[in-house]
PDB file of N, CA and C in Angstrom:
ATOM      1  N   MET A   1      18.984 -11.986   6.768  1.00  0.00           N
ATOM      2  CA  MET A   1      19.908 -13.076   6.672  1.00  0.00           C
ATOM      3  C   MET A   1      19.969 -13.484   5.190  1.00  0.00           C
ATOM      4  N   PRO A   2      21.235 -13.774   4.752  1.00  0.00           N
ATOM      5  CA  PRO A   2      21.404 -14.209   3.312  1.00  0.00           C
ATOM      6  C   PRO A   2      20.681 -15.538   3.135  1.00  0.00           C
ATOM      7  N   CYS A   3      20.406 -15.797   1.810  1.00  0.00           N
ATOM      8  CA  CYS A   3      19.662 -16.973   1.457  1.00  0.00           C
ATOM      9  C   CYS A   3      20.443 -17.744   0.405  1.00  0.00           C
ATOM     10  N   ALA A   4      20.120 -19.030   0.279  1.00  0.00           N
ATOM     11  CA  ALA A   4      20.840 -19.894  -0.706  1.00  0.00           C
ATOM     12  C   ALA A   4      20.410 -19.567  -2.141  1.00  0.00           C
ATOM     13  N   ILE A   5      19.337 -18.855  -2.328  1.00  0.00           N
ATOM     14  CA  ILE A   5      18.885 -18.466  -3.605  1.00  0.00           C
ATOM     15  C   ILE A   5      19.378 -17.076  -3.872  1.00  0.00           C
ATOM     16  N   PRO A   6      20.234 -16.918  -4.968  1.00  0.00           N
ATOM     17  CA  PRO A   6      20.799 -15.588  -5.214  1.00  0.00           C
ATOM     18  C   PRO A   6      19.793 -14.481  -5.335  1.00  0.00           C
ATOM     19  N   GLY A   7      20.185 -13.359  -4.690  1.00  0.00           N
ATOM     20  CA  GLY A   7      19.372 -12.165  -4.694  1.00  0.00           C
ATOM     21  C   GLY A   7      18.254 -12.086  -3.689  1.00  0.00           C
ATOM     22  N   TRP A   8      17.948 -13.240  -2.991  1.00  0.00           N
ATOM     23  CA  TRP A   8      16.917 -13.254  -2.002  1.00  0.00           C
ATOM     24  C   TRP A   8      17.508 -13.252  -0.614  1.00  0.00           C
ATOM     25  N   THR A   9      16.660 -12.715   0.333  1.00  0.00           N
ATOM     26  CA  THR A   9      17.025 -12.607   1.745  1.00  0.00           C
ATOM     27  C   THR A   9      15.973 -13.265   2.569  1.00  0.00           C
ATOM     28  N   GLU A  10      16.338 -13.982   3.675  1.00  0.00           N
ATOM     29  CA  GLU A  10      15.374 -14.472   4.549  1.00  0.00           C
ATOM     30  C   GLU A  10      15.102 -13.457   5.651  1.00  0.00           C
ATOM     31  N   ARG A  11      13.847 -13.178   5.748  1.00  0.00           N
ATOM     32  CA  ARG A  11      13.298 -12.072   6.704  1.00  0.00           C
ATOM     33  C   ARG A  11      12.062 -12.568   7.350  1.00  0.00           C
ATOM     34  N   GLU A  12      12.082 -12.753   8.636  1.00  0.00           N
ATOM     35  CA  GLU A  12      10.855 -13.026   9.332  1.00  0.00           C
ATOM     36  C   GLU A  12       9.991 -14.178   8.763  1.00  0.00           C
ATOM     37  N   LYS A  13      10.612 -15.356   8.565  1.00  0.00           N
ATOM     38  CA  LYS A  13       9.951 -16.543   8.060  1.00  0.00           C
ATOM     39  C   LYS A  13       9.519 -16.312   6.644  1.00  0.00           C
ATOM     40  N   ALA A  14      10.220 -15.569   5.823  1.00  0.00           N
ATOM     41  CA  ALA A  14       9.748 -15.279   4.426  1.00  0.00           C
ATOM     42  C   ALA A  14      11.086 -15.031   3.619  1.00  0.00           C
ATOM     43  N   LEU A  15      10.995 -15.228   2.338  1.00  0.00           N
ATOM     44  CA  LEU A  15      12.044 -14.889   1.378  1.00  0.00           C
ATOM     45  C   LEU A  15      11.608 -13.524   0.716  1.00  0.00           C
ATOM     46  N   VAL A  16      12.586 -12.577   0.625  1.00  0.00           N
ATOM     47  CA  VAL A  16      12.264 -11.290   0.147  1.00  0.00           C
ATOM     48  C   VAL A  16      13.276 -10.917  -0.907  1.00  0.00           C
ATOM     49  N   ARG A  17      12.835 -10.310  -2.049  1.00  0.00           N
ATOM     50  CA  ARG A  17      13.757  -9.810  -3.001  1.00  0.00           C
ATOM     51  C   ARG A  17      13.207  -8.500  -3.593  1.00  0.00           C
ATOM     52  N   GLU A  18      14.082  -7.548  -3.809  1.00  0.00           N
ATOM     53  CA  GLU A  18      13.704  -6.256  -4.420  1.00  0.00           C
ATOM     54  C   GLU A  18      14.332  -6.187  -5.851  1.00  0.00           C
ATOM     55  N   TYR A  19      13.596  -5.685  -6.733  1.00  0.00           N
ATOM     56  CA  TYR A  19      14.034  -5.514  -8.104  1.00  0.00           C
ATOM     57  C   TYR A  19      13.827  -3.911  -8.421  1.00  0.00           C
ATOM     58  N   GLN A  20      14.742  -3.459  -9.293  1.00  0.00           N
ATOM     59  CA  GLN A  20      14.599  -2.131  -9.767  1.00  0.00           C
ATOM     60  C   GLN A  20      14.606  -2.133 -11.338  1.00  0.00           C
ATOM     61  N   PHE A  21      13.788  -1.389 -11.988  1.00  0.00           N
ATOM     62  CA  PHE A  21      13.672  -1.391 -13.409  1.00  0.00           C
ATOM     63  C   PHE A  21      13.906  -0.008 -13.968  1.00  0.00           C
ATOM     64  N   ASN A  22      14.048   0.111 -15.258  1.00  0.00           N
ATOM     65  CA  ASN A  22      14.323   1.405 -15.930  1.00  0.00           C
ATOM     66  C   ASN A  22      13.121   2.258 -16.011  1.00  0.00           C
ATOM     67  N   ASP A  23      11.888   1.636 -16.016  1.00  0.00           N
ATOM     68  CA  ASP A  23      10.718   2.465 -16.027  1.00  0.00           C
ATOM     69  C   ASP A  23       9.513   1.654 -15.461  1.00  0.00           C
ATOM     70  N   PHE A  24       8.411   2.349 -15.402  1.00  0.00           N
ATOM     71  CA  PHE A  24       7.141   1.640 -14.853  1.00  0.00           C
ATOM     72  C   PHE A  24       6.703   0.541 -15.763  1.00  0.00           C
ATOM     73  N   ALA A  25       6.784   0.700 -17.129  1.00  0.00           N
ATOM     74  CA  ALA A  25       6.326  -0.366 -17.920  1.00  0.00           C
ATOM     75  C   ALA A  25       7.114  -1.626 -17.744  1.00  0.00           C
ATOM     76  N   ALA A  26       8.399  -1.531 -17.592  1.00  0.00           N
ATOM     77  CA  ALA A  26       9.208  -2.723 -17.351  1.00  0.00           C
ATOM     78  C   ALA A  26       8.859  -3.356 -16.000  1.00  0.00           C
ATOM     79  N   ALA A  27       8.690  -2.551 -14.965  1.00  0.00           N
ATOM     80  CA  ALA A  27       8.330  -3.097 -13.651  1.00  0.00           C
ATOM     81  C   ALA A  27       6.974  -3.857 -13.740  1.00  0.00           C
ATOM     82  N   LEU A  28       6.018  -3.215 -14.453  1.00  0.00           N
ATOM     83  CA  LEU A  28       4.716  -3.820 -14.520  1.00  0.00           C
ATOM     84  C   LEU A  28       4.713  -5.096 -15.340  1.00  0.00           C
ATOM     85  N   ALA A  29       5.483  -5.125 -16.427  1.00  0.00           N
ATOM     86  CA  ALA A  29       5.697  -6.362 -17.250  1.00  0.00           C
ATOM     87  C   ALA A  29       6.198  -7.475 -16.366  1.00  0.00           C
ATOM     88  N   PHE A  30       7.213  -7.158 -15.533  1.00  0.00           N
ATOM     89  CA  PHE A  30       7.816  -8.092 -14.644  1.00  0.00           C
ATOM     90  C   PHE A  30       6.783  -8.727 -13.709  1.00  0.00           C
ATOM     91  N   VAL A  31       6.025  -7.762 -13.080  1.00  0.00           N
ATOM     92  CA  VAL A  31       4.946  -8.223 -12.167  1.00  0.00           C
ATOM     93  C   VAL A  31       3.962  -9.131 -12.827  1.00  0.00           C
ATOM     94  N   ASN A  32       3.612  -8.923 -14.092  1.00  0.00           N
ATOM     95  CA  ASN A  32       2.662  -9.770 -14.876  1.00  0.00           C
ATOM     96  C   ASN A  32       3.325 -11.132 -15.082  1.00  0.00           C
ATOM     97  N   ARG A  33       4.666 -11.139 -15.426  1.00  0.00           N
ATOM     98  CA  ARG A  33       5.291 -12.487 -15.621  1.00  0.00           C
ATOM     99  C   ARG A  33       5.292 -13.317 -14.213  1.00  0.00           C
ATOM    100  N   VAL A  34       5.647 -12.579 -13.172  1.00  0.00           N
ATOM    101  CA  VAL A  34       5.620 -13.253 -11.911  1.00  0.00           C
ATOM    102  C   VAL A  34       4.186 -13.732 -11.574  1.00  0.00           C
ATOM    103  N   GLY A  35       3.190 -12.917 -11.862  1.00  0.00           N
ATOM    104  CA  GLY A  35       1.818 -13.315 -11.617  1.00  0.00           C
ATOM    105  C   GLY A  35       1.400 -14.618 -12.422  1.00  0.00           C
ATOM    106  N   ALA A  36       1.827 -14.630 -13.677  1.00  0.00           N
ATOM    107  CA  ALA A  36       1.483 -15.860 -14.414  1.00  0.00           C
ATOM    108  C   ALA A  36       2.190 -17.066 -13.893  1.00  0.00           C
ATOM    109  N   LEU A  37       3.494 -16.936 -13.616  1.00  0.00           N
ATOM    110  CA  LEU A  37       4.157 -18.084 -12.959  1.00  0.00           C
ATOM    111  C   LEU A  37       3.543 -18.511 -11.705  1.00  0.00           C
ATOM    112  N   ALA A  38       3.248 -17.568 -10.831  1.00  0.00           N
ATOM    113  CA  ALA A  38       2.541 -17.912  -9.526  1.00  0.00           C
ATOM    114  C   ALA A  38       1.321 -18.599  -9.662  1.00  0.00           C
ATOM    115  N   GLU A  39       0.461 -18.116 -10.592  1.00  0.00           N
ATOM    116  CA  GLU A  39      -0.888 -18.684 -10.845  1.00  0.00           C
ATOM    117  C   GLU A  39      -0.745 -20.103 -11.291  1.00  0.00           C
ATOM    118  N   ALA A  40       0.243 -20.317 -12.267  1.00  0.00           N
ATOM    119  CA  ALA A  40       0.466 -21.699 -12.800  1.00  0.00           C
ATOM    120  C   ALA A  40       0.930 -22.712 -11.720  1.00  0.00           C
ATOM    121  N   ALA A  41       1.706 -22.103 -10.721  1.00  0.00           N
ATOM    122  CA  ALA A  41       2.201 -22.992  -9.649  1.00  0.00           C
ATOM    123  C   ALA A  41       1.235 -23.025  -8.485  1.00  0.00           C
ATOM    124  N   ASN A  42       0.223 -22.219  -8.411  1.00  0.00           N
ATOM    125  CA  ASN A  42      -0.730 -22.067  -7.286  1.00  0.00           C
ATOM    126  C   ASN A  42       0.046 -21.738  -6.034  1.00  0.00           C
ATOM    127  N   HIS A  43       1.040 -20.843  -6.244  1.00  0.00           N
ATOM    128  CA  HIS A  43       1.830 -20.422  -5.017  1.00  0.00           C
ATOM    129  C   HIS A  43       2.153 -18.944  -5.301  1.00  0.00           C
ATOM    130  N   HIS A  44       1.427 -18.108  -4.477  1.00  0.00           N
ATOM    131  CA  HIS A  44       1.364 -16.684  -4.839  1.00  0.00           C
ATOM    132  C   HIS A  44       2.181 -15.862  -3.817  1.00  0.00           C
ATOM    133  N   PRO A  45       3.098 -15.050  -4.333  1.00  0.00           N
ATOM    134  CA  PRO A  45       3.915 -14.152  -3.500  1.00  0.00           C
ATOM    135  C   PRO A  45       3.108 -12.918  -3.188  1.00  0.00           C
ATOM    136  N   ASP A  46       3.535 -12.127  -2.114  1.00  0.00           N
ATOM    137  CA  ASP A  46       3.082 -10.826  -1.940  1.00  0.00           C
ATOM    138  C   ASP A  46       3.851 -10.009  -2.947  1.00  0.00           C
ATOM    139  N   ILE A  47       3.286  -9.137  -3.769  1.00  0.00           N
ATOM    140  CA  ILE A  47       3.873  -8.348  -4.737  1.00  0.00           C
ATOM    141  C   ILE A  47       3.604  -6.913  -4.453  1.00  0.00           C
ATOM    142  N   PHE A  48       4.720  -6.090  -4.348  1.00  0.00           N
ATOM    143  CA  PHE A  48       4.503  -4.682  -4.062  1.00  0.00           C
ATOM    144  C   PHE A  48       5.279  -3.907  -5.122  1.00  0.00           C
ATOM    145  N   LEU A  49       4.558  -3.155  -5.946  1.00  0.00           N
ATOM    146  CA  LEU A  49       5.114  -2.302  -6.993  1.00  0.00           C
ATOM    147  C   LEU A  49       5.050  -0.916  -6.479  1.00  0.00           C
ATOM    148  N   TYR A  50       6.172  -0.249  -6.357  1.00  0.00           N
ATOM    149  CA  TYR A  50       6.274   1.076  -5.727  1.00  0.00           C
ATOM    150  C   TYR A  50       7.270   1.961  -6.332  1.00  0.00           C
ATOM    151  N   SER A  51       7.210   3.261  -6.039  1.00  0.00           N
ATOM    152  CA  SER A  51       8.058   4.259  -6.533  1.00  0.00           C
ATOM    153  C   SER A  51       8.401   4.152  -8.074  1.00  0.00           C
ATOM    154  N   TRP A  52       7.348   3.861  -8.807  1.00  0.00           N
ATOM    155  CA  TRP A  52       7.281   3.804 -10.252  1.00  0.00           C
ATOM    156  C   TRP A  52       8.144   2.784 -10.948  1.00  0.00           C
ATOM    157  N   ASN A  53       9.189   2.251 -10.319  1.00  0.00           N
ATOM    158  CA  ASN A  53      10.087   1.320 -11.005  1.00  0.00           C
ATOM    159  C   ASN A  53      10.620   0.245 -10.103  1.00  0.00           C
ATOM    160  N   LYS A  54      10.071   0.032  -8.875  1.00  0.00           N
ATOM    161  CA  LYS A  54      10.602  -0.976  -7.961  1.00  0.00           C
ATOM    162  C   LYS A  54       9.501  -2.047  -7.698  1.00  0.00           C
ATOM    163  N   VAL A  55       9.989  -3.236  -7.483  1.00  0.00           N
ATOM    164  CA  VAL A  55       9.032  -4.376  -7.141  1.00  0.00           C
ATOM    165  C   VAL A  55       9.744  -5.123  -5.969  1.00  0.00           C
ATOM    166  N   ARG A  56       8.986  -5.327  -4.958  1.00  0.00           N
ATOM    167  CA  ARG A  56       9.420  -6.250  -3.830  1.00  0.00           C
ATOM    168  C   ARG A  56       8.453  -7.497  -3.868  1.00  0.00           C
ATOM    169  N   LEU A  57       9.132  -8.662  -3.895  1.00  0.00           N
ATOM    170  CA  LEU A  57       8.437  -9.960  -3.778  1.00  0.00           C
ATOM    171  C   LEU A  57       8.742 -10.536  -2.475  1.00  0.00           C
ATOM    172  N   THR A  58       7.663 -11.100  -1.807  1.00  0.00           N
ATOM    173  CA  THR A  58       7.833 -11.826  -0.597  1.00  0.00           C
ATOM    174  C   THR A  58       7.172 -13.164  -0.663  1.00  0.00           C
ATOM    175  N   LEU A  59       7.881 -14.203  -0.421  1.00  0.00           N
ATOM    176  CA  LEU A  59       7.321 -15.599  -0.504  1.00  0.00           C
ATOM    177  C   LEU A  59       7.334 -16.258   0.902  1.00  0.00           C
ATOM    178  N   SER A  60       6.263 -16.856   1.253  1.00  0.00           N
ATOM    179  CA  SER A  60       6.195 -17.736   2.451  1.00  0.00           C
ATOM    180  C   SER A  60       4.938 -18.585   2.264  1.00  0.00           C
ATOM    181  N   THR A  61       4.870 -19.665   3.000  1.00  0.00           N
ATOM    182  CA  THR A  61       3.792 -20.584   2.951  1.00  0.00           C
ATOM    183  C   THR A  61       2.968 -20.321   4.226  1.00  0.00           C
ATOM    184  N   HIS A  62       1.979 -19.487   4.144  1.00  0.00           N
ATOM    185  CA  HIS A  62       1.208 -19.121   5.299  1.00  0.00           C
ATOM    186  C   HIS A  62       0.617 -20.310   6.033  1.00  0.00           C
ATOM    187  N   SER A  63       0.155 -21.245   5.319  1.00  0.00           N
ATOM    188  CA  SER A  63      -0.447 -22.507   5.904  1.00  0.00           C
ATOM    189  C   SER A  63       0.577 -23.270   6.751  1.00  0.00           C
ATOM    190  N   ALA A  64       1.813 -23.182   6.401  1.00  0.00           N
ATOM    191  CA  ALA A  64       2.880 -23.892   7.074  1.00  0.00           C
ATOM    192  C   ALA A  64       3.543 -22.994   8.176  1.00  0.00           C
ATOM    193  N   GLY A  65       3.152 -21.749   8.260  1.00  0.00           N
ATOM    194  CA  GLY A  65       3.733 -20.811   9.187  1.00  0.00           C
ATOM    195  C   GLY A  65       5.092 -20.407   8.922  1.00  0.00           C
ATOM    196  N   GLY A  66       5.540 -20.409   7.681  1.00  0.00           N
ATOM    197  CA  GLY A  66       6.844 -19.950   7.280  1.00  0.00           C
ATOM    198  C   GLY A  66       7.291 -20.488   5.992  1.00  0.00           C
ATOM    199  N   LEU A  67       8.585 -20.784   5.871  1.00  0.00           N
ATOM    200  CA  LEU A  67       9.153 -21.229   4.651  1.00  0.00           C
ATOM    201  C   LEU A  67       9.068 -22.684   4.425  1.00  0.00           C
ATOM    202  N   THR A  68       8.839 -23.047   3.210  1.00  0.00           N
ATOM    203  CA  THR A  68       8.933 -24.466   2.729  1.00  0.00           C
ATOM    204  C   THR A  68       9.744 -24.581   1.564  1.00  0.00           C
ATOM    205  N   ASN A  69      10.021 -25.753   1.090  1.00  0.00           N
ATOM    206  CA  ASN A  69      10.827 -26.083  -0.066  1.00  0.00           C
ATOM    207  C   ASN A  69      10.149 -25.321  -1.297  1.00  0.00           C
ATOM    208  N   ASN A  70       8.839 -25.349  -1.286  1.00  0.00           N
ATOM    209  CA  ASN A  70       8.133 -24.660  -2.470  1.00  0.00           C
ATOM    210  C   ASN A  70       8.502 -23.231  -2.506  1.00  0.00           C
ATOM    211  N   ASP A  71       8.686 -22.487  -1.469  1.00  0.00           N
ATOM    212  CA  ASP A  71       9.117 -21.104  -1.484  1.00  0.00           C
ATOM    213  C   ASP A  71      10.465 -20.972  -2.152  1.00  0.00           C
ATOM    214  N   TYR A  72      11.409 -21.777  -1.748  1.00  0.00           N
ATOM    215  CA  TYR A  72      12.758 -21.785  -2.358  1.00  0.00           C
ATOM    216  C   TYR A  72      12.671 -21.992  -3.857  1.00  0.00           C
ATOM    217  N   ALA A  73      11.865 -23.018  -4.272  1.00  0.00           N
ATOM    218  CA  ALA A  73      11.704 -23.421  -5.650  1.00  0.00           C
ATOM    219  C   ALA A  73      11.160 -22.244  -6.431  1.00  0.00           C
ATOM    220  N   MET A  74      10.096 -21.634  -5.850  1.00  0.00           N
ATOM    221  CA  MET A  74       9.513 -20.451  -6.556  1.00  0.00           C
ATOM    222  C   MET A  74      10.500 -19.274  -6.648  1.00  0.00           C
ATOM    223  N   ALA A  75      11.270 -19.080  -5.628  1.00  0.00           N
ATOM    224  CA  ALA A  75      12.298 -17.997  -5.733  1.00  0.00           C
ATOM    225  C   ALA A  75      13.258 -18.267  -6.879  1.00  0.00           C
ATOM    226  N   GLY A  76      13.670 -19.518  -7.044  1.00  0.00           N
ATOM    227  CA  GLY A  76      14.622 -19.876  -8.129  1.00  0.00           C
ATOM    228  C   GLY A  76      13.929 -19.642  -9.478  1.00  0.00           C
ATOM    229  N   LYS A  77      12.647 -20.061  -9.552  1.00  0.00           N
ATOM    230  CA  LYS A  77      11.906 -19.794 -10.843  1.00  0.00           C
ATOM    231  C   LYS A  77      11.737 -18.382 -11.140  1.00  0.00           C
ATOM    232  N   MET A  78      11.487 -17.544 -10.122  1.00  0.00           N
ATOM    233  CA  MET A  78      11.305 -16.104 -10.332  1.00  0.00           C
ATOM    234  C   MET A  78      12.639 -15.490 -10.821  1.00  0.00           C
ATOM    235  N   ASN A  79      13.709 -15.982 -10.259  1.00  0.00           N
ATOM    236  CA  ASN A  79      15.037 -15.492 -10.718  1.00  0.00           C
ATOM    237  C   ASN A  79      15.295 -15.666 -12.189  1.00  0.00           C
ATOM    238  N   GLN A  80      14.677 -16.788 -12.764  1.00  0.00           N
ATOM    239  CA  GLN A  80      14.806 -17.056 -14.179  1.00  0.00           C
ATOM    240  C   GLN A  80      14.005 -16.115 -15.049  1.00  0.00           C
ATOM    241  N   LEU A  81      13.059 -15.410 -14.421  1.00  0.00           N
ATOM    242  CA  LEU A  81      12.275 -14.391 -15.160  1.00  0.00           C
ATOM    243  C   LEU A  81      13.057 -13.187 -15.529  1.00  0.00           C
ATOM    244  N   GLY A  82      14.197 -12.973 -14.834  1.00  0.00           N
ATOM    245  CA  GLY A  82      15.087 -11.854 -15.101  1.00  0.00           C
ATOM    246  C   GLY A  82      14.510 -10.604 -14.441  1.00  0.00           C
ATOM    247  N   SER A  83      15.186  -9.523 -14.763  1.00  0.00           N
ATOM    248  CA  SER A  83      14.768  -8.231 -14.174  1.00  0.00           C
ATOM    249  C   SER A  83      14.965  -7.090 -15.160  1.00  0.00           C
TER     250      SER A  83
END
């Protein structure tokens, strides 16, 4: 299902976005930027780096059993990190 946050999709009580990069180094650098942002916010996505240049991010608030405003806010912040 489409989401109000550009690039993200709502799937099974979570927000999901896939990114593709030119190479492994760019994908890994992006993962590290996401990790720093998530750690600062104390709101951590599931991060899947695969096929040498692709990253899938999944956001949900497990303690709430699904999506909260914090998930949408983090998705917007992650969009600002670029790809």
